Protein backbone atom coordinates (compact mmCIF):
# COMPACT_ATOMS: atom_id res chain seq x y z
CA MET A 1 -60.17 -21.29 70.35
CA PHE A 2 -60.75 -23.55 73.36
CA SER A 3 -61.15 -23.14 77.15
CA GLY A 4 -59.11 -25.97 78.42
CA LEU A 5 -62.28 -27.65 79.98
CA VAL A 6 -62.08 -31.19 78.68
CA GLU A 7 -65.44 -32.60 77.56
CA ALA A 8 -64.45 -36.17 77.27
CA LYS A 9 -61.77 -38.85 77.23
CA ALA A 10 -61.50 -40.93 74.05
CA SER A 11 -59.29 -43.81 72.95
CA VAL A 12 -57.00 -44.09 69.88
CA GLN A 13 -58.59 -46.76 67.43
CA ALA A 14 -56.00 -46.57 64.66
CA LEU A 15 -52.87 -44.83 63.48
CA GLU A 16 -52.25 -45.10 59.82
CA PRO A 17 -48.97 -43.70 58.35
CA GLU A 18 -49.58 -41.36 55.32
CA PRO A 19 -47.18 -39.37 53.14
CA GLY A 20 -46.19 -36.47 55.34
CA GLY A 21 -47.61 -37.70 58.66
CA VAL A 22 -50.27 -39.93 60.22
CA ARG A 23 -54.00 -40.46 60.11
CA LEU A 24 -55.39 -40.60 63.62
CA THR A 25 -58.65 -42.40 64.28
CA ILE A 26 -60.21 -41.61 67.68
CA SER A 27 -63.39 -42.99 69.22
CA ARG A 28 -66.19 -40.33 69.04
CA PRO A 29 -67.55 -39.26 72.38
CA ALA A 30 -71.47 -39.63 72.60
CA GLN A 31 -71.93 -35.85 73.32
CA PHE A 32 -69.98 -34.91 70.15
CA ASP A 33 -73.21 -35.33 68.12
CA ASP A 34 -72.80 -31.95 66.35
CA ILE A 35 -69.47 -32.25 64.64
CA SER A 36 -68.93 -31.62 60.94
CA LEU A 37 -66.12 -32.01 58.47
CA GLY A 38 -63.45 -29.26 59.03
CA ASP A 39 -64.38 -28.77 62.71
CA SER A 40 -61.41 -28.00 65.05
CA ILE A 41 -61.03 -30.22 68.08
CA ALA A 42 -58.46 -30.11 70.68
CA ILE A 43 -56.85 -33.61 71.14
CA SER A 44 -54.85 -33.62 74.33
CA GLY A 45 -54.40 -29.88 73.75
CA CYS A 46 -53.41 -30.03 70.09
CA CYS A 47 -55.88 -28.44 67.72
CA LEU A 48 -56.64 -30.79 64.82
CA THR A 49 -59.25 -30.87 61.93
CA VAL A 50 -61.84 -33.35 61.56
CA VAL A 51 -61.39 -34.93 58.01
CA LYS A 52 -63.75 -37.86 58.34
CA PHE A 53 -66.22 -39.13 60.98
CA SER A 54 -68.84 -41.77 61.56
CA GLU A 55 -71.14 -42.51 64.43
CA THR A 56 -68.35 -44.05 66.47
CA SER A 57 -65.16 -42.41 65.32
CA MET A 58 -63.44 -39.16 64.27
CA GLU A 59 -60.39 -39.00 61.89
CA PHE A 60 -57.63 -36.39 61.88
CA GLN A 61 -54.39 -35.80 60.03
CA ALA A 62 -51.32 -34.91 61.88
CA GLY A 63 -48.14 -33.87 60.03
CA GLU A 64 -44.58 -34.30 60.77
CA GLU A 65 -44.10 -31.01 62.55
CA THR A 66 -47.02 -31.81 64.88
CA LEU A 67 -45.87 -35.34 65.60
CA SER A 68 -42.41 -34.15 66.51
CA LYS A 69 -43.33 -31.19 68.56
CA THR A 70 -46.21 -32.76 70.47
CA LYS A 71 -46.87 -36.04 72.33
CA LEU A 72 -49.23 -37.11 69.49
CA GLY A 73 -46.13 -38.81 67.98
CA GLN A 74 -45.96 -41.08 71.08
CA LEU A 75 -49.62 -42.23 70.80
CA SER A 76 -50.41 -45.88 70.11
CA VAL A 77 -53.71 -47.81 69.62
CA ALA A 78 -55.73 -47.74 72.91
CA SER A 79 -54.03 -44.65 74.23
CA GLU A 80 -56.43 -42.22 75.86
CA VAL A 81 -56.65 -38.64 74.90
CA ASN A 82 -58.54 -35.58 76.15
CA CYS A 83 -61.10 -34.02 73.70
CA GLU A 84 -62.60 -30.62 73.48
CA ARG A 85 -64.81 -29.00 70.84
CA SER A 86 -63.90 -25.44 69.88
CA LEU A 87 -65.78 -22.64 71.43
CA ALA A 88 -68.68 -20.64 69.87
CA LEU A 89 -69.06 -17.01 70.39
CA GLY A 90 -71.18 -16.39 73.51
CA ASP A 91 -69.93 -19.63 75.26
CA ARG A 92 -68.99 -19.35 78.96
CA LEU A 93 -65.22 -19.22 79.38
CA GLY A 94 -64.78 -21.48 82.33
CA GLY A 95 -61.03 -22.12 81.97
CA HIS A 96 -58.82 -19.62 80.01
CA LEU A 97 -58.13 -18.78 76.35
CA VAL A 98 -56.53 -21.75 74.71
CA THR A 99 -55.39 -21.82 71.19
CA GLY A 100 -54.57 -25.49 70.75
CA HIS A 101 -51.18 -24.62 69.47
CA VAL A 102 -48.76 -26.70 71.62
CA ASP A 103 -45.64 -24.73 72.70
CA GLY A 104 -43.50 -27.74 73.79
CA LEU A 105 -43.34 -30.81 75.97
CA GLY A 106 -43.05 -31.13 79.58
CA THR A 107 -42.22 -34.25 81.77
CA LEU A 108 -43.76 -35.38 84.97
CA SER A 109 -41.05 -35.32 87.56
CA HIS A 110 -42.88 -35.89 90.80
CA ARG A 111 -46.33 -36.82 91.88
CA GLY A 112 -47.69 -36.60 95.26
CA ASP A 113 -51.00 -38.34 96.00
CA ASN A 114 -53.04 -37.18 99.15
CA ALA A 115 -56.38 -39.04 99.49
CA GLU A 116 -58.23 -38.15 96.26
CA TRP A 117 -56.06 -35.17 95.41
CA SER A 118 -52.80 -34.99 93.64
CA ASP A 119 -49.89 -32.62 93.44
CA LEU A 120 -48.07 -32.82 90.13
CA GLU A 121 -44.62 -31.30 89.32
CA PHE A 122 -43.41 -31.06 85.73
CA SER A 123 -40.03 -30.15 84.16
CA ALA A 124 -40.32 -27.82 81.21
CA PRO A 125 -38.08 -25.77 78.92
CA GLU A 126 -36.77 -22.61 80.42
CA PRO A 127 -38.45 -20.34 77.74
CA LEU A 128 -41.77 -21.70 78.67
CA CYS A 129 -41.35 -21.48 82.33
CA LYS A 130 -40.52 -17.72 81.75
CA GLN A 131 -44.07 -17.35 80.46
CA MET A 132 -45.60 -18.86 83.57
CA ALA A 133 -46.53 -17.20 87.04
CA SER A 134 -47.85 -18.59 90.15
CA LYS A 135 -51.67 -18.38 90.21
CA GLY A 136 -51.53 -17.99 86.46
CA SER A 137 -52.85 -20.38 83.87
CA ILE A 138 -51.15 -23.34 81.99
CA THR A 139 -52.69 -25.92 79.58
CA VAL A 140 -51.38 -29.49 80.31
CA ASP A 141 -52.57 -32.06 77.71
CA GLY A 142 -55.50 -29.77 76.99
CA VAL A 143 -56.51 -29.22 80.62
CA SER A 144 -56.72 -25.61 81.90
CA LEU A 145 -54.91 -25.50 85.26
CA THR A 146 -53.84 -22.96 87.82
CA LEU A 147 -50.05 -22.73 88.34
CA VAL A 148 -48.85 -23.27 92.16
CA LYS A 149 -45.05 -23.04 91.94
CA VAL A 150 -42.95 -21.91 89.13
CA THR A 151 -39.11 -21.99 88.78
CA ASP A 152 -36.75 -21.63 85.75
CA SER A 153 -37.22 -25.24 84.92
CA LEU A 154 -40.13 -26.59 86.95
CA PHE A 155 -43.87 -25.84 87.63
CA SER A 156 -46.39 -27.56 89.79
CA VAL A 157 -50.30 -27.88 89.86
CA ALA A 158 -52.76 -29.22 92.36
CA LEU A 159 -55.55 -31.51 90.88
CA ILE A 160 -58.80 -31.92 92.35
CA PRO A 161 -60.66 -35.45 92.21
CA HIS A 162 -62.92 -34.29 89.31
CA THR A 163 -59.88 -33.46 87.04
CA LEU A 164 -58.12 -36.69 88.04
CA ALA A 165 -61.23 -38.75 87.17
CA GLU A 166 -62.45 -37.02 84.01
CA THR A 167 -59.23 -36.34 82.24
CA THR A 168 -56.02 -38.33 81.30
CA LEU A 169 -54.05 -36.50 83.94
CA GLY A 170 -55.17 -38.97 86.62
CA GLU A 171 -53.26 -41.66 84.83
CA LEU A 172 -49.83 -39.92 84.53
CA LYS A 173 -46.76 -41.60 85.86
CA VAL A 174 -43.35 -39.98 86.58
CA GLY A 175 -41.48 -39.80 83.29
CA ASP A 176 -44.58 -39.35 81.17
CA SER A 177 -44.57 -36.47 78.55
CA VAL A 178 -47.37 -33.84 78.36
CA ASN A 179 -48.28 -31.26 75.83
CA LEU A 180 -47.95 -27.64 77.18
CA GLU A 181 -49.50 -24.39 76.04
CA THR A 182 -48.54 -21.27 78.07
CA ASP A 183 -51.07 -18.41 78.52
CA LEU A 184 -51.82 -16.41 75.51
CA LEU A 185 -51.59 -13.17 77.26
CA ALA A 186 -48.12 -14.00 78.62
CA LYS A 187 -46.89 -14.62 75.12
CA TYR A 188 -47.91 -11.27 74.07
CA VAL A 189 -46.32 -9.54 77.14
CA ALA A 190 -43.11 -11.46 76.57
CA ARG A 191 -42.99 -10.52 72.98
CA GLN A 192 -43.53 -6.90 73.76
CA LEU A 193 -40.82 -6.95 76.52
CA ASN A 194 -38.38 -8.46 74.19
CA ALA A 195 -39.16 -5.94 71.50
CA PHE A 196 -37.98 -3.09 73.73
CA THR A 197 -34.85 -4.87 75.08
CA PRO A 198 -31.69 -3.45 73.55
């Protein structure tokens, strides 16, 4: 489980094809000094398992399903990703409950920059938009954000200077894809409502 509060940006060092997927090598942030084999780390919102690490790198394996359903399949060497270690019981939950299980992809459709702030609008699949509500939470590339506007096919967020500087969202351009995870509670509410719909 994660909070959606990105701890560091890191760069892709290598992408090596393997039977059934890809081995992804990412630079190891300095503050990630306590990682172990088998740890879960959110890479741009996608929960991956540490399979090998050194003082300067972390390695993960991503299968075909993950590569096809998330933007990890679009990464190349030198791409930057958002990184967050999993929560420990008793940690402060500054963002919201994030599982690291990406629901789908969104696309940046409009960007409005106002001084050091930015308003971003994304197109997203209708089933995902139905799990969103204004002032609710959304995870975009692993970043916990508050929704501003939501329609059947679009949603918008307002980003403060800190988020733009400390995550990869500041570098997004119109047409770029992002990983989306809707709010965990919204999923359960939607599931229950569907269960009682004739």
